[in-house]
Each structure stands twice: as structure tokens, then as C-alpha cells.
């Protein structure tokens, strides 16, 4: 039972699966924060460009 538990916690390379999950979680959270931050910036920039174009063209919706 003890050996089976050790086998679950450690793969054949000796890297802990728990450690791997921790790294994956950290990388995923960093990627999520970067996507959210830069995504918001891109969205704001696109809205600004859209507003500028709309103001210059001054379309009238009737």
C-alpha cells in the first residue's frame, strides 16, 4: 500500500505529480492574468479607434 501511494505521488522520472500540478496552476494563473490584462487593453484600444473613426466620418443614423 505504501509503495502504491509513493507510485501515485511520484512518476517514473521522480518528479512529484503534486509539484507538476502546482507548476501548471501557477503557469495557468499567470497566463489568465496576462490574457485578461492585455485583452482589456486591446479591447479599449479597439473601442478608441472605433470611436475616432465614427467621430471623423460622423455617420447619421436615420
N, C-alpha and C. Protein backbone atom coordinates (compact mmCIF):
# COMPACT_ATOMS: atom_id res chain seq x y z
N UNK A 1 0.83 -1.20 0.00
CA UNK A 1 0.00 0.00 0.00
C UNK A 1 0.87 1.26 0.00
N UNK A 2 1.92 1.23 0.81
CA UNK A 2 2.83 2.37 0.91
C UNK A 2 3.52 2.61 -0.42
N UNK A 3 3.93 1.52 -1.08
CA UNK A 3 4.61 1.63 -2.38
C UNK A 3 3.66 2.17 -3.44
N UNK A 4 2.41 1.74 -3.37
CA UNK A 4 1.42 2.21 -4.33
C UNK A 4 1.18 3.71 -4.16
N UNK A 5 1.15 4.16 -2.91
CA UNK A 5 0.97 5.58 -2.62
C UNK A 5 2.15 6.39 -3.14
N UNK A 6 3.37 5.85 -2.95
CA UNK A 6 4.58 6.51 -3.47
C UNK A 6 4.54 6.58 -4.99
N UNK A 7 4.07 5.52 -5.62
CA UNK A 7 3.99 5.48 -7.08
C UNK A 7 3.00 6.52 -7.61
N UNK A 8 1.92 6.74 -6.86
CA UNK A 8 0.94 7.75 -7.27
C UNK A 8 1.56 9.15 -7.17
N UNK A 9 2.28 9.39 -6.09
CA UNK A 9 2.85 10.72 -5.87
C UNK A 9 4.07 11.00 -6.74
N UNK A 10 4.77 9.96 -7.16
CA UNK A 10 5.97 10.18 -7.98
C UNK A 10 5.86 9.38 -9.27
N UNK A 11 6.14 10.03 -10.39
CA UNK A 11 6.14 9.29 -11.65
C UNK A 11 7.52 8.69 -11.89
N UNK A 12 7.71 8.06 -13.05
CA UNK A 12 8.96 7.31 -13.30
C UNK A 12 10.21 8.20 -13.35
N UNK A 13 10.06 9.48 -13.61
CA UNK A 13 11.22 10.38 -13.65
C UNK A 13 11.58 10.90 -12.27
N UNK A 14 10.72 10.63 -11.30
CA UNK A 14 10.99 11.08 -9.94
C UNK A 14 10.39 12.45 -9.65
N UNK A 15 9.72 13.04 -10.62
CA UNK A 15 9.08 14.34 -10.40
C UNK A 15 7.75 14.11 -9.71
N UNK A 16 7.51 14.88 -8.71
CA UNK A 16 6.25 14.75 -7.96
C UNK A 16 5.09 15.26 -8.81
N UNK A 17 4.02 14.48 -8.85
CA UNK A 17 2.83 14.88 -9.60
C UNK A 17 2.20 16.11 -8.94
N UNK A 18 2.25 16.17 -7.62
CA UNK A 18 1.73 17.33 -6.90
C UNK A 18 2.51 18.58 -7.30
N UNK A 19 3.83 18.43 -7.41
CA UNK A 19 4.70 19.53 -7.83
C UNK A 19 4.34 19.98 -9.25
N UNK A 20 4.12 19.02 -10.13
CA UNK A 20 3.74 19.33 -11.51
C UNK A 20 2.42 20.09 -11.56
N UNK A 21 1.46 19.65 -10.76
CA UNK A 21 0.16 20.34 -10.70
C UNK A 21 0.32 21.76 -10.19
N UNK A 22 1.22 21.94 -9.23
CA UNK A 22 1.48 23.28 -8.70
C UNK A 22 2.03 24.19 -9.79
N UNK A 23 3.02 23.68 -10.56
CA UNK A 23 3.59 24.46 -11.66
C UNK A 23 2.54 24.79 -12.70
N UNK A 24 1.71 23.80 -13.05
CA UNK A 24 0.66 24.01 -14.05
C UNK A 24 -0.32 25.09 -13.58
N UNK A 25 -0.67 25.05 -12.30
CA UNK A 25 -1.60 26.04 -11.74
C UNK A 25 -1.00 27.44 -11.80
N UNK A 26 0.27 27.56 -11.43
CA UNK A 26 0.94 28.87 -11.45
C UNK A 26 1.01 29.40 -12.88
N UNK A 27 1.42 28.56 -13.83
CA UNK A 27 1.52 28.98 -15.24
C UNK A 27 0.15 29.38 -15.77
N UNK A 28 -0.87 28.59 -15.45
CA UNK A 28 -2.23 28.89 -15.92
C UNK A 28 -2.73 30.21 -15.35
N UNK A 29 -2.47 30.46 -14.07
CA UNK A 29 -2.94 31.71 -13.47
C UNK A 29 -2.21 32.91 -14.04
N UNK A 30 -0.90 32.78 -14.29
CA UNK A 30 -0.13 33.87 -14.91
C UNK A 30 -0.66 34.13 -16.31
N UNK A 31 -0.92 33.07 -17.07
CA UNK A 31 -1.45 33.22 -18.43
C UNK A 31 -2.83 33.87 -18.40
N UNK A 32 -3.66 33.50 -17.43
CA UNK A 32 -5.01 34.08 -17.32
C UNK A 32 -4.94 35.57 -17.01
N UNK A 33 -4.06 35.94 -16.08
CA UNK A 33 -3.90 37.36 -15.72
C UNK A 33 -3.39 38.15 -16.92
N UNK A 34 -2.40 37.60 -17.62
CA UNK A 34 -1.86 38.29 -18.81
C UNK A 34 -2.93 38.45 -19.87
N UNK A 35 -3.70 37.41 -20.12
CA UNK A 35 -4.77 37.47 -21.13
C UNK A 35 -5.82 38.50 -20.74
N UNK A 36 -6.21 38.50 -19.48
CA UNK A 36 -7.23 39.44 -19.01
C UNK A 36 -6.72 40.88 -19.13
N UNK A 37 -5.49 41.11 -18.69
CA UNK A 37 -4.93 42.46 -18.70
C UNK A 37 -4.75 42.97 -20.13
N UNK A 38 -4.05 42.18 -20.95
CA UNK A 38 -3.78 42.62 -22.32
C UNK A 38 -5.04 42.59 -23.16
N UNK A 39 -5.93 41.66 -22.90
CA UNK A 39 -7.21 41.60 -23.61
C UNK A 39 -8.01 42.86 -23.37
N UNK A 40 -8.03 43.33 -22.12
CA UNK A 40 -8.72 44.57 -21.79
C UNK A 40 -8.11 45.76 -22.50
N UNK A 41 -6.78 45.78 -22.57
CA UNK A 41 -6.08 46.87 -23.27
C UNK A 41 -6.40 46.88 -24.74
N UNK A 42 -6.41 45.72 -25.36
CA UNK A 42 -6.72 45.62 -26.79
C UNK A 42 -8.15 46.05 -27.04
N UNK A 43 -9.05 45.63 -26.18
CA UNK A 43 -10.47 45.99 -26.32
C UNK A 43 -10.65 47.50 -26.20
N UNK A 44 -9.99 48.11 -25.22
CA UNK A 44 -10.08 49.56 -25.01
C UNK A 44 -9.52 50.29 -26.22
N UNK A 45 -8.38 49.81 -26.72
CA UNK A 45 -7.76 50.42 -27.91
C UNK A 45 -8.67 50.33 -29.12
N UNK A 46 -9.29 49.18 -29.31
CA UNK A 46 -10.20 48.99 -30.45
C UNK A 46 -11.41 49.91 -30.32
N UNK A 47 -11.93 50.05 -29.11
CA UNK A 47 -13.06 50.95 -28.89
C UNK A 47 -12.68 52.40 -29.18
N UNK A 48 -11.47 52.80 -28.76
CA UNK A 48 -11.00 54.16 -29.00
C UNK A 48 -10.87 54.43 -30.49
N UNK A 49 -10.29 53.48 -31.22
CA UNK A 49 -10.14 53.62 -32.68
C UNK A 49 -11.51 53.70 -33.33
N UNK A 50 -12.41 52.83 -32.90
CA UNK A 50 -13.78 52.83 -33.44
C UNK A 50 -14.48 54.16 -33.20
N UNK A 51 -14.32 54.70 -32.00
CA UNK A 51 -14.94 55.99 -31.67
C UNK A 51 -14.34 57.11 -32.51
N UNK A 52 -13.01 57.07 -32.68
CA UNK A 52 -12.33 58.08 -33.51
C UNK A 52 -12.81 58.05 -34.94
N UNK A 53 -12.92 56.87 -35.50
CA UNK A 53 -13.39 56.71 -36.89
C UNK A 53 -14.82 57.20 -37.00
N UNK A 54 -15.63 56.83 -36.05
CA UNK A 54 -17.05 57.23 -36.06
C UNK A 54 -17.17 58.75 -35.97
N UNK A 55 -16.35 59.39 -35.14
CA UNK A 55 -16.39 60.84 -34.99
C UNK A 55 -15.97 61.52 -36.29
N UNK A 56 -14.91 61.02 -36.93
CA UNK A 56 -14.42 61.62 -38.18
C UNK A 56 -15.44 61.48 -39.30
N UNK A 57 -15.99 60.28 -39.43
CA UNK A 57 -16.94 60.04 -40.53
C UNK A 57 -18.30 60.68 -40.23
N UNK A 58 -18.59 60.81 -38.93
CA UNK A 58 -19.84 61.40 -38.47
C UNK A 58 -21.07 60.83 -39.19
N UNK A 59 -21.28 59.53 -39.05
CA UNK A 59 -22.44 58.94 -39.73
C UNK A 59 -23.74 59.35 -39.05
N UNK A 60 -24.77 59.52 -39.83
CA UNK A 60 -26.07 59.84 -39.25
C UNK A 60 -26.99 58.65 -39.46
N UNK A 61 -27.54 58.16 -38.39
CA UNK A 61 -28.44 57.02 -38.47
C UNK A 61 -29.87 57.54 -38.40
N UNK A 62 -30.58 57.45 -39.50
CA UNK A 62 -31.96 57.95 -39.51
C UNK A 62 -32.91 56.83 -39.88
